[in-house]
Amino acid sequence: MEQIYIDTAKILKAISDPKRLRIVDMLSCGEQCACQLLEAFHITQPTLSHDMKVLIEAGIVNDRREGKNIFYRLCNERLADFLNTMQDITTQKTDCICKTSGCCK
């Protein structure tokens, strides 16, 4: 169970940056070339590379190369898992962590 918290925290950290959250929003429209993201956000290539690395490492964005271009897309399966985990974490249940840790009565 601890790994679920680690993985979820990694995603939350990745999308806690407003720019990265906007990038995720833009990618919700479909696959985008890095050049399109650079133009839309008026940022430098190294800044975009860093942001995309964070999103890729969190597992919520995939990339592919086509010649000199890099294309990014959301990993919808991973995002669905994340949303389900957040729902599970924030919903009371019979096997809640608080009941097994002894803090709830």
PDB file of N, CA and C in Angstrom:
ATOM      1  N   MET A   1       0.821  -1.197   0.000  1.00  0.00           N
ATOM      2  CA  MET A   1       0.000   0.000   0.000  1.00  0.00           C
ATOM      3  C   MET A   1       0.864   1.260   0.000  1.00  0.00           C
ATOM      4  N   GLU A   2       2.013   1.194   0.635  1.00  0.00           N
ATOM      5  CA  GLU A   2       2.887   2.369   0.711  1.00  0.00           C
ATOM      6  C   GLU A   2       3.297   2.858  -0.680  1.00  0.00           C
ATOM      7  N   GLN A   3       3.496   1.942  -1.619  1.00  0.00           N
ATOM      8  CA  GLN A   3       3.882   2.317  -2.981  1.00  0.00           C
ATOM      9  C   GLN A   3       2.794   3.152  -3.652  1.00  0.00           C
ATOM     10  N   ILE A   4       1.546   2.884  -3.331  1.00  0.00           N
ATOM     11  CA  ILE A   4       0.446   3.680  -3.892  1.00  0.00           C
ATOM     12  C   ILE A   4       0.571   5.128  -3.459  1.00  0.00           C
ATOM     13  N   TYR A   5       0.915   5.359  -2.198  1.00  0.00           N
ATOM     14  CA  TYR A   5       1.086   6.727  -1.709  1.00  0.00           C
ATOM     15  C   TYR A   5       2.280   7.401  -2.375  1.00  0.00           C
ATOM     16  N   ILE A   6       3.349   6.661  -2.557  1.00  0.00           N
ATOM     17  CA  ILE A   6       4.550   7.209  -3.204  1.00  0.00           C
ATOM     18  C   ILE A   6       4.241   7.593  -4.645  1.00  0.00           C
ATOM     19  N   ASP A   7       3.590   6.687  -5.385  1.00  0.00           N
ATOM     20  CA  ASP A   7       3.252   6.959  -6.791  1.00  0.00           C
ATOM     21  C   ASP A   7       2.271   8.121  -6.919  1.00  0.00           C
ATOM     22  N   THR A   8       1.284   8.164  -6.041  1.00  0.00           N
ATOM     23  CA  THR A   8       0.290   9.232  -6.079  1.00  0.00           C
ATOM     24  C   THR A   8       0.934  10.579  -5.748  1.00  0.00           C
ATOM     25  N   ALA A   9       1.806  10.595  -4.763  1.00  0.00           N
ATOM     26  CA  ALA A   9       2.494  11.835  -4.395  1.00  0.00           C
ATOM     27  C   ALA A   9       3.366  12.341  -5.543  1.00  0.00           C
ATOM     28  N   LYS A  10       3.969  11.433  -6.291  1.00  0.00           N
ATOM     29  CA  LYS A  10       4.794  11.818  -7.429  1.00  0.00           C
ATOM     30  C   LYS A  10       3.954  12.538  -8.493  1.00  0.00           C
ATOM     31  N   ILE A  11       2.761  12.025  -8.749  1.00  0.00           N
ATOM     32  CA  ILE A  11       1.872  12.671  -9.715  1.00  0.00           C
ATOM     33  C   ILE A  11       1.410  14.020  -9.181  1.00  0.00           C
ATOM     34  N   LEU A  12       1.012  14.046  -7.909  1.00  0.00           N
ATOM     35  CA  LEU A  12       0.560  15.311  -7.327  1.00  0.00           C
ATOM     36  C   LEU A  12       1.654  16.368  -7.378  1.00  0.00           C
ATOM     37  N   LYS A  13       2.874  15.965  -7.100  1.00  0.00           N
ATOM     38  CA  LYS A  13       4.003  16.905  -7.169  1.00  0.00           C
ATOM     39  C   LYS A  13       4.198  17.394  -8.602  1.00  0.00           C
ATOM     40  N   ALA A  14       4.080  16.488  -9.567  1.00  0.00           N
ATOM     41  CA  ALA A  14       4.275  16.855 -10.975  1.00  0.00           C
ATOM     42  C   ALA A  14       3.235  17.867 -11.437  1.00  0.00           C
ATOM     43  N   ILE A  15       1.993  17.693 -11.011  1.00  0.00           N
ATOM     44  CA  ILE A  15       0.939  18.601 -11.481  1.00  0.00           C
ATOM     45  C   ILE A  15       0.692  19.766 -10.528  1.00  0.00           C
ATOM     46  N   SER A  16       1.489  19.860  -9.461  1.00  0.00           N
ATOM     47  CA  SER A  16       1.317  20.979  -8.532  1.00  0.00           C
ATOM     48  C   SER A  16       1.840  22.286  -9.112  1.00  0.00           C
ATOM     49  N   ASP A  17       2.655  22.204 -10.146  1.00  0.00           N
ATOM     50  CA  ASP A  17       3.155  23.395 -10.830  1.00  0.00           C
ATOM     51  C   ASP A  17       2.090  23.870 -11.820  1.00  0.00           C
ATOM     52  N   PRO A  18       1.657  25.127 -11.726  1.00  0.00           N
ATOM     53  CA  PRO A  18       0.594  25.604 -12.622  1.00  0.00           C
ATOM     54  C   PRO A  18       0.909  25.437 -14.110  1.00  0.00           C
ATOM     55  N   LYS A  19       2.160  25.638 -14.489  1.00  0.00           N
ATOM     56  CA  LYS A  19       2.523  25.497 -15.909  1.00  0.00           C
ATOM     57  C   LYS A  19       2.366  24.054 -16.358  1.00  0.00           C
ATOM     58  N   ARG A  20       2.829  23.118 -15.539  1.00  0.00           N
ATOM     59  CA  ARG A  20       2.694  21.705 -15.900  1.00  0.00           C
ATOM     60  C   ARG A  20       1.233  21.286 -15.921  1.00  0.00           C
ATOM     61  N   LEU A  21       0.435  21.826 -15.029  1.00  0.00           N
ATOM     62  CA  LEU A  21      -0.989  21.527 -15.043  1.00  0.00           C
ATOM     63  C   LEU A  21      -1.636  22.067 -16.318  1.00  0.00           C
ATOM     64  N   ARG A  22      -1.205  23.230 -16.774  1.00  0.00           N
ATOM     65  CA  ARG A  22      -1.706  23.785 -18.036  1.00  0.00           C
ATOM     66  C   ARG A  22      -1.261  22.918 -19.217  1.00  0.00           C
ATOM     67  N   ILE A  23      -0.046  22.389 -19.144  1.00  0.00           N
ATOM     68  CA  ILE A  23       0.434  21.491 -20.205  1.00  0.00           C
ATOM     69  C   ILE A  23      -0.445  20.246 -20.253  1.00  0.00           C
ATOM     70  N   VAL A  24      -0.763  19.681 -19.104  1.00  0.00           N
ATOM     71  CA  VAL A  24      -1.650  18.520 -19.060  1.00  0.00           C
ATOM     72  C   VAL A  24      -2.996  18.882 -19.675  1.00  0.00           C
ATOM     73  N   ASP A  25      -3.503  20.053 -19.344  1.00  0.00           N
ATOM     74  CA  ASP A  25      -4.773  20.513 -19.913  1.00  0.00           C
ATOM     75  C   ASP A  25      -4.673  20.591 -21.441  1.00  0.00           C
ATOM     76  N   MET A  26      -3.580  21.138 -21.949  1.00  0.00           N
ATOM     77  CA  MET A  26      -3.406  21.249 -23.403  1.00  0.00           C
ATOM     78  C   MET A  26      -3.319  19.869 -24.049  1.00  0.00           C
ATOM     79  N   LEU A  27      -2.636  18.943 -23.383  1.00  0.00           N
ATOM     80  CA  LEU A  27      -2.506  17.596 -23.928  1.00  0.00           C
ATOM     81  C   LEU A  27      -3.818  16.820 -23.866  1.00  0.00           C
ATOM     82  N   SER A  28      -4.767  17.305 -23.073  1.00  0.00           N
ATOM     83  CA  SER A  28      -6.064  16.631 -23.025  1.00  0.00           C
ATOM     84  C   SER A  28      -6.794  16.735 -24.368  1.00  0.00           C
ATOM     85  N   CYS A  29      -6.359  17.678 -25.209  1.00  0.00           N
ATOM     86  CA  CYS A  29      -6.938  17.831 -26.551  1.00  0.00           C
ATOM     87  C   CYS A  29      -6.333  16.850 -27.543  1.00  0.00           C
ATOM     88  N   GLY A  30      -5.276  16.168 -27.139  1.00  0.00           N
ATOM     89  CA  GLY A  30      -4.616  15.205 -28.018  1.00  0.00           C
ATOM     90  C   GLY A  30      -3.120  15.436 -28.060  1.00  0.00           C
ATOM     91  N   GLU A  31      -2.456  14.601 -28.808  1.00  0.00           N
ATOM     92  CA  GLU A  31      -1.002  14.650 -28.934  1.00  0.00           C
ATOM     93  C   GLU A  31      -0.557  16.005 -29.462  1.00  0.00           C
ATOM     94  N   GLN A  32       0.539  16.517 -28.887  1.00  0.00           N
ATOM     95  CA  GLN A  32       1.073  17.816 -29.285  1.00  0.00           C
ATOM     96  C   GLN A  32       2.582  17.700 -29.516  1.00  0.00           C
ATOM     97  N   CYS A  33       3.058  18.401 -30.499  1.00  0.00           N
ATOM     98  CA  CYS A  33       4.489  18.495 -30.762  1.00  0.00           C
ATOM     99  C   CYS A  33       5.106  19.457 -29.751  1.00  0.00           C
ATOM    100  N   ALA A  34       6.352  19.215 -29.399  1.00  0.00           N
ATOM    101  CA  ALA A  34       7.047  20.107 -28.476  1.00  0.00           C
ATOM    102  C   ALA A  34       7.019  21.550 -28.984  1.00  0.00           C
ATOM    103  N   CYS A  35       7.126  21.717 -30.296  1.00  0.00           N
ATOM    104  CA  CYS A  35       7.114  23.067 -30.856  1.00  0.00           C
ATOM    105  C   CYS A  35       5.787  23.774 -30.577  1.00  0.00           C
ATOM    106  N   GLN A  36       4.680  23.026 -30.572  1.00  0.00           N
ATOM    107  CA  GLN A  36       3.375  23.606 -30.268  1.00  0.00           C
ATOM    108  C   GLN A  36       3.304  24.044 -28.805  1.00  0.00           C
ATOM    109  N   LEU A  37       3.876  23.240 -27.930  1.00  0.00           N
ATOM    110  CA  LEU A  37       3.890  23.589 -26.508  1.00  0.00           C
ATOM    111  C   LEU A  37       4.777  24.803 -26.263  1.00  0.00           C
ATOM    112  N   LEU A  38       5.928  24.840 -26.917  1.00  0.00           N
ATOM    113  CA  LEU A  38       6.819  25.991 -26.773  1.00  0.00           C
ATOM    114  C   LEU A  38       6.123  27.276 -27.190  1.00  0.00           C
ATOM    115  N   GLU A  39       5.423  27.218 -28.288  1.00  0.00           N
ATOM    116  CA  GLU A  39       4.725  28.392 -28.803  1.00  0.00           C
ATOM    117  C   GLU A  39       3.584  28.811 -27.879  1.00  0.00           C
ATOM    118  N   ALA A  40       2.848  27.843 -27.393  1.00  0.00           N
ATOM    119  CA  ALA A  40       1.682  28.133 -26.549  1.00  0.00           C
ATOM    120  C   ALA A  40       2.075  28.723 -25.202  1.00  0.00           C
ATOM    121  N   PHE A  41       3.199  28.300 -24.655  1.00  0.00           N
ATOM    122  CA  PHE A  41       3.582  28.713 -23.316  1.00  0.00           C
ATOM    123  C   PHE A  41       4.687  29.765 -23.280  1.00  0.00           C
ATOM    124  N   HIS A  42       5.259  30.093 -24.419  1.00  0.00           N
ATOM    125  CA  HIS A  42       6.315  31.111 -24.503  1.00  0.00           C
ATOM    126  C   HIS A  42       7.420  30.839 -23.470  1.00  0.00           C
ATOM    127  N   ILE A  43       7.921  29.603 -23.509  1.00  0.00           N
ATOM    128  CA  ILE A  43       8.999  29.195 -22.618  1.00  0.00           C
ATOM    129  C   ILE A  43      10.170  28.707 -23.460  1.00  0.00           C
ATOM    130  N   THR A  44      11.310  28.550 -22.816  1.00  0.00           N
ATOM    131  CA  THR A  44      12.494  28.076 -23.533  1.00  0.00           C
ATOM    132  C   THR A  44      12.438  26.551 -23.667  1.00  0.00           C
ATOM    133  N   GLN A  45      13.205  26.050 -24.599  1.00  0.00           N
ATOM    134  CA  GLN A  45      13.258  24.599 -24.818  1.00  0.00           C
ATOM    135  C   GLN A  45      13.766  23.865 -23.572  1.00  0.00           C
ATOM    136  N   PRO A  46      14.819  24.361 -22.884  1.00  0.00           N
ATOM    137  CA  PRO A  46      15.258  23.655 -21.670  1.00  0.00           C
ATOM    138  C   PRO A  46      14.185  23.624 -20.570  1.00  0.00           C
ATOM    139  N   THR A  47      13.406  24.691 -20.466  1.00  0.00           N
ATOM    140  CA  THR A  47      12.329  24.722 -19.472  1.00  0.00           C
ATOM    141  C   THR A  47      11.266  23.688 -19.820  1.00  0.00           C
ATOM    142  N   LEU A  48      10.886  23.629 -21.090  1.00  0.00           N
ATOM    143  CA  LEU A  48       9.906  22.631 -21.521  1.00  0.00           C
ATOM    144  C   LEU A  48      10.449  21.221 -21.295  1.00  0.00           C
ATOM    145  N   SER A  49      11.693  21.000 -21.635  1.00  0.00           N
ATOM    146  CA  SER A  49      12.299  19.673 -21.439  1.00  0.00           C
ATOM    147  C   SER A  49      12.231  19.246 -19.984  1.00  0.00           C
ATOM    148  N   HIS A  50      12.533  20.173 -19.092  1.00  0.00           N
ATOM    149  CA  HIS A  50      12.480  19.853 -17.661  1.00  0.00           C
ATOM    150  C   HIS A  50      11.053  19.506 -17.240  1.00  0.00           C
ATOM    151  N   ASP A  51      10.094  20.342 -17.636  1.00  0.00           N
ATOM    152  CA  ASP A  51       8.699  20.099 -17.265  1.00  0.00           C
ATOM    153  C   ASP A  51       8.196  18.777 -17.822  1.00  0.00           C
ATOM    154  N   MET A  52       8.550  18.485 -19.062  1.00  0.00           N
ATOM    155  CA  MET A  52       8.088  17.237 -19.668  1.00  0.00           C
ATOM    156  C   MET A  52       8.755  16.034 -18.997  1.00  0.00           C
ATOM    157  N   LYS A  53       9.997  16.175 -18.602  1.00  0.00           N
ATOM    158  CA  LYS A  53      10.693  15.093 -17.898  1.00  0.00           C
ATOM    159  C   LYS A  53       9.968  14.771 -16.596  1.00  0.00           C
ATOM    160  N   VAL A  54       9.550  15.789 -15.873  1.00  0.00           N
ATOM    161  CA  VAL A  54       8.827  15.586 -14.618  1.00  0.00           C
ATOM    162  C   VAL A  54       7.509  14.860 -14.877  1.00  0.00           C
ATOM    163  N   LEU A  55       6.778  15.288 -15.900  1.00  0.00           N
ATOM    164  CA  LEU A  55       5.489  14.661 -16.219  1.00  0.00           C
ATOM    165  C   LEU A  55       5.662  13.225 -16.710  1.00  0.00           C
ATOM    166  N   ILE A  56       6.706  12.984 -17.490  1.00  0.00           N
ATOM    167  CA  ILE A  56       6.983  11.630 -17.988  1.00  0.00           C
ATOM    168  C   ILE A  56       7.389  10.719 -16.829  1.00  0.00           C
ATOM    169  N   GLU A  57       8.269  11.201 -15.952  1.00  0.00           N
ATOM    170  CA  GLU A  57       8.709  10.398 -14.814  1.00  0.00           C
ATOM    171  C   GLU A  57       7.561  10.081 -13.862  1.00  0.00           C
ATOM    172  N   ALA A  58       6.572  10.974 -13.803  1.00  0.00           N
ATOM    173  CA  ALA A  58       5.388  10.719 -12.978  1.00  0.00           C
ATOM    174  C   ALA A  58       4.469   9.712 -13.652  1.00  0.00           C
ATOM    175  N   GLY A  59       4.714   9.438 -14.934  1.00  0.00           N
ATOM    176  CA  GLY A  59       3.956   8.432 -15.659  1.00  0.00           C
ATOM    177  C   GLY A  59       2.666   8.924 -16.283  1.00  0.00           C
ATOM    178  N   ILE A  60       2.454  10.239 -16.303  1.00  0.00           N
ATOM    179  CA  ILE A  60       1.187  10.738 -16.837  1.00  0.00           C
ATOM    180  C   ILE A  60       1.296  11.270 -18.263  1.00  0.00           C
ATOM    181  N   VAL A  61       2.522  11.342 -18.785  1.00  0.00           N
ATOM    182  CA  VAL A  61       2.738  11.770 -20.172  1.00  0.00           C
ATOM    183  C   VAL A  61       3.694  10.781 -20.825  1.00  0.00           C
ATOM    184  N   ASN A  62       3.413  10.454 -22.081  1.00  0.00           N
ATOM    185  CA  ASN A  62       4.301   9.634 -22.903  1.00  0.00           C
ATOM    186  C   ASN A  62       4.845  10.503 -24.024  1.00  0.00           C
ATOM    187  N   ASP A  63       6.001  10.131 -24.523  1.00  0.00           N
ATOM    188  CA  ASP A  63       6.583  10.868 -25.643  1.00  0.00           C
ATOM    189  C   ASP A  63       7.001   9.904 -26.739  1.00  0.00           C
ATOM    190  N   ARG A  64       7.132  10.464 -27.928  1.00  0.00           N
ATOM    191  CA  ARG A  64       7.653   9.691 -29.063  1.00  0.00           C
ATOM    192  C   ARG A  64       8.386  10.655 -29.979  1.00  0.00           C
ATOM    193  N   ARG A  65       9.401  10.129 -30.623  1.00  0.00           N
ATOM    194  CA  ARG A  65      10.178  10.921 -31.579  1.00  0.00           C
ATOM    195  C   ARG A  65       9.743  10.593 -32.987  1.00  0.00           C
ATOM    196  N   GLU A  66       9.708  11.628 -33.786  1.00  0.00           N
ATOM    197  CA  GLU A  66       9.446  11.473 -35.215  1.00  0.00           C
ATOM    198  C   GLU A  66      10.403  12.432 -35.913  1.00  0.00           C
ATOM    199  N   GLY A  67      11.518  11.894 -36.403  1.00  0.00           N
ATOM    200  CA  GLY A  67      12.565  12.741 -36.958  1.00  0.00           C
ATOM    201  C   GLY A  67      13.150  13.614 -35.860  1.00  0.00           C
ATOM    202  N   LYS A  68      13.157  14.928 -36.075  1.00  0.00           N
ATOM    203  CA  LYS A  68      13.680  15.862 -35.078  1.00  0.00           C
ATOM    204  C   LYS A  68      12.622  16.302 -34.071  1.00  0.00           C
ATOM    205  N   ASN A  69      11.385  15.927 -34.305  1.00  0.00           N
ATOM    206  CA  ASN A  69      10.296  16.372 -33.443  1.00  0.00           C
ATOM    207  C   ASN A  69       9.990  15.365 -32.344  1.00  0.00           C
ATOM    208  N   ILE A  70       9.580  15.899 -31.207  1.00  0.00           N
ATOM    209  CA  ILE A  70       9.109  15.075 -30.098  1.00  0.00           C
ATOM    210  C   ILE A  70       7.634  15.395 -29.896  1.00  0.00           C
ATOM    211  N   PHE A  71       6.841  14.345 -29.804  1.00  0.00           N
ATOM    212  CA  PHE A  71       5.409  14.490 -29.589  1.00  0.00           C
ATOM    213  C   PHE A  71       5.054  13.953 -28.209  1.00  0.00           C
ATOM    214  N   TYR A  72       4.150  14.649 -27.540  1.00  0.00           N
ATOM    215  CA  TYR A  72       3.730  14.274 -26.198  1.00  0.00           C
ATOM    216  C   TYR A  72       2.238  13.989 -26.193  1.00  0.00           C
ATOM    217  N   ARG A  73       1.854  13.036 -25.357  1.00  0.00           N
ATOM    218  CA  ARG A  73       0.433  12.718 -25.190  1.00  0.00           C
ATOM    219  C   ARG A  73       0.222  12.246 -23.752  1.00  0.00           C
ATOM    220  N   LEU A  74      -1.001  12.408 -23.291  1.00  0.00           N
ATOM    221  CA  LEU A  74      -1.336  11.950 -21.954  1.00  0.00           C
ATOM    222  C   LEU A  74      -1.389  10.435 -21.916  1.00  0.00           C
ATOM    223  N   CYS A  75      -1.014   9.891 -20.791  1.00  0.00           N
ATOM    224  CA  CYS A  75      -1.158   8.456 -20.540  1.00  0.00           C
ATOM    225  C   CYS A  75      -2.488   8.293 -19.803  1.00  0.00           C
ATOM    226  N   ASN A  76      -3.557   8.140 -20.565  1.00  0.00           N
ATOM    227  CA  ASN A  76      -4.902   8.128 -19.998  1.00  0.00           C
ATOM    228  C   ASN A  76      -5.127   6.999 -19.006  1.00  0.00           C
ATOM    229  N   GLU A  77      -4.511   5.856 -19.226  1.00  0.00           N
ATOM    230  CA  GLU A  77      -4.673   4.739 -18.296  1.00  0.00           C
ATOM    231  C   GLU A  77      -4.086   5.093 -16.931  1.00  0.00           C
ATOM    232  N   ARG A  78      -2.905   5.686 -16.949  1.00  0.00           N
ATOM    233  CA  ARG A  78      -2.246   6.078 -15.685  1.00  0.00           C
ATOM    234  C   ARG A  78      -3.045   7.171 -14.979  1.00  0.00           C
ATOM    235  N   LEU A  79      -3.582   8.117 -15.737  1.00  0.00           N
ATOM    236  CA  LEU A  79      -4.391   9.169 -15.141  1.00  0.00           C
ATOM    237  C   LEU A  79      -5.681   8.605 -14.553  1.00  0.00           C
ATOM    238  N   ALA A  80      -6.281   7.629 -15.217  1.00  0.00           N
ATOM    239  CA  ALA A  80      -7.489   6.996 -14.682  1.00  0.00           C
ATOM    240  C   ALA A  80      -7.173   6.272 -13.371  1.00  0.00           C
ATOM    241  N   ASP A  81      -6.041   5.573 -13.331  1.00  0.00           N
ATOM    242  CA  ASP A  81      -5.613   4.909 -12.099  1.00  0.00           C
ATOM    243  C   ASP A  81      -5.417   5.926 -10.980  1.00  0.00           C
ATOM    244  N   PHE A  82      -4.779   7.053 -11.318  1.00  0.00           N
ATOM    245  CA  PHE A  82      -4.541   8.126 -10.344  1.00  0.00           C
ATOM    246  C   PHE A  82      -5.865   8.648  -9.792  1.00  0.00           C
ATOM    247  N   LEU A  83      -6.810   8.924 -10.676  1.00  0.00           N
ATOM    248  CA  LEU A  83      -8.112   9.445 -10.233  1.00  0.00           C
ATOM    249  C   LEU A  83      -8.840   8.428  -9.360  1.00  0.00           C
ATOM    250  N   ASN A  84      -8.767   7.155  -9.714  1.00  0.00           N
ATOM    251  CA  ASN A  84      -9.377   6.107  -8.896  1.00  0.00           C
ATOM    252  C   ASN A  84      -8.719   6.027  -7.525  1.00  0.00           C
ATOM    253  N   THR A  85      -7.404   6.152  -7.496  1.00  0.00           N
ATOM    254  CA  THR A  85      -6.679   6.127  -6.223  1.00  0.00           C
ATOM    255  C   THR A  85      -7.077   7.315  -5.358  1.00  0.00           C
ATOM    256  N   MET A  86      -7.173   8.495  -5.957  1.00  0.00           N
ATOM    257  CA  MET A  86      -7.585   9.678  -5.200  1.00  0.00           C
ATOM    258  C   MET A  86      -8.994   9.492  -4.652  1.00  0.00           C
ATOM    259  N   GLN A  87      -9.871   8.905  -5.451  1.00  0.00           N
ATOM    260  CA  GLN A  87     -11.235   8.629  -4.986  1.00  0.00           C
ATOM    261  C   GLN A  87     -11.196   7.670  -3.803  1.00  0.00           C
ATOM    262  N   ASP A  88     -10.369   6.640  -3.913  1.00  0.00           N
ATOM    263  CA  ASP A  88     -10.259   5.649  -2.849  1.00  0.00           C
ATOM    264  C   ASP A  88      -9.682   6.261  -1.576  1.00  0.00           C
ATOM    265  N   ILE A  89      -8.650   7.079  -1.725  1.00  0.00           N
ATOM    266  CA  ILE A  89      -8.000   7.699  -0.570  1.00  0.00           C
ATOM    267  C   ILE A  89      -8.943   8.649   0.157  1.00  0.00           C
ATOM    268  N   THR A  90      -9.778   9.336  -0.578  1.00  0.00           N
ATOM    269  CA  THR A  90     -10.615  10.385   0.014  1.00  0.00           C
ATOM    270  C   THR A  90     -12.028   9.924   0.364  1.00  0.00           C
ATOM    271  N   THR A  91     -12.285   8.632   0.272  1.00  0.00           N
ATOM    272  CA  THR A  91     -13.604   8.092   0.577  1.00  0.00           C
ATOM    273  C   THR A  91     -13.514   7.175   1.787  1.00  0.00           C
ATOM    274  N   GLN A  92     -14.451   7.337   2.715  1.00  0.00           N
ATOM    275  CA  GLN A  92     -14.482   6.460   3.886  1.00  0.00           C
ATOM    276  C   GLN A  92     -14.815   5.041   3.445  1.00  0.00           C
ATOM    277  N   LYS A  93     -14.136   4.079   4.055  1.00  0.00           N
ATOM    278  CA  LYS A  93     -14.349   2.680   3.702  1.00  0.00           C
ATOM    279  C   LYS A  93     -14.153   1.810   4.935  1.00  0.00           C
ATOM    280  N   THR A  94     -14.606   0.584   4.867  1.00  0.00           N
ATOM    281  CA  THR A  94     -14.525  -0.298   6.031  1.00  0.00           C
ATOM    282  C   THR A  94     -13.092  -0.652   6.397  1.00  0.00           C
ATOM    283  N   ASP A  95     -12.214  -0.725   5.402  1.00  0.00           N
ATOM    284  CA  ASP A  95     -10.816  -1.072   5.685  1.00  0.00           C
ATOM    285  C   ASP A  95      -9.914   0.160   5.656  1.00  0.00           C
ATOM    286  N   CYS A  96     -10.452   1.290   6.105  1.00  0.00           N
ATOM    287  CA  CYS A  96      -9.715   2.559   6.102  1.00  0.00           C
ATOM    288  C   CYS A  96      -8.421   2.433   6.905  1.00  0.00           C
ATOM    289  N   ILE A  97      -7.410   3.120   6.479  1.00  0.00           N
ATOM    290  CA  ILE A  97      -6.108   3.095   7.147  1.00  0.00           C
ATOM    291  C   ILE A  97      -6.217   3.516   8.622  1.00  0.00           C
ATOM    292  N   CYS A  98      -7.145   4.435   8.903  1.00  0.00           N
ATOM    293  CA  CYS A  98      -7.267   4.896  10.283  1.00  0.00           C
ATOM    294  C   CYS A  98      -7.772   3.775  11.202  1.00  0.00           C
ATOM    295  N   LYS A  99      -8.548   2.864  10.670  1.00  0.00           N
ATOM    296  CA  LYS A  99      -9.064   1.764  11.488  1.00  0.00           C
ATOM    297  C   LYS A  99      -7.956   0.737  11.772  1.00  0.00           C
ATOM    298  N   THR A 100      -7.043   0.568  10.837  1.00  0.00           N
ATOM    299  CA  THR A 100      -5.961  -0.391  11.044  1.00  0.00           C
ATOM    300  C   THR A 100      -4.805   0.212  11.826  1.00  0.00           C
ATOM    301  N   SER A 101      -4.718   1.541  11.879  1.00  0.00           N
ATOM    302  CA  SER A 101      -3.631   2.170  12.613  1.00  0.00           C
ATOM    303  C   SER A 101      -4.006   2.442  14.063  1.00  0.00           C
ATOM    304  N   GLY A 102      -5.279   2.278  14.392  1.00  0.00           N
ATOM    305  CA  GLY A 102      -5.722   2.446  15.766  1.00  0.00           C
ATOM    306  C   GLY A 102      -6.037   3.883  16.150  1.00  0.00           C
ATOM    307  N   CYS A 103      -6.062   4.805  15.202  1.00  0.00           N
ATOM    308  CA  CYS A 103      -6.323   6.200  15.554  1.00  0.00           C
ATOM    309  C   CYS A 103      -7.811   6.528  15.565  1.00  0.00           C
ATOM    310  N   CYS A 104      -8.650   5.690  14.972  1.00  0.00           N
ATOM    311  CA  CYS A 104     -10.095   5.921  14.960  1.00  0.00           C
ATOM    312  C   CYS A 104     -10.772   4.956  15.940  1.00  0.00           C
ATOM    313  N   LYS A 105     -11.852   5.384  16.467  1.00  0.00           N
ATOM    314  CA  LYS A 105     -12.603   4.515  17.393  1.00  0.00           C
ATOM    315  C   LYS A 105     -13.962   4.222  16.840  1.00  0.00           C
TER     316      LYS A 105
END
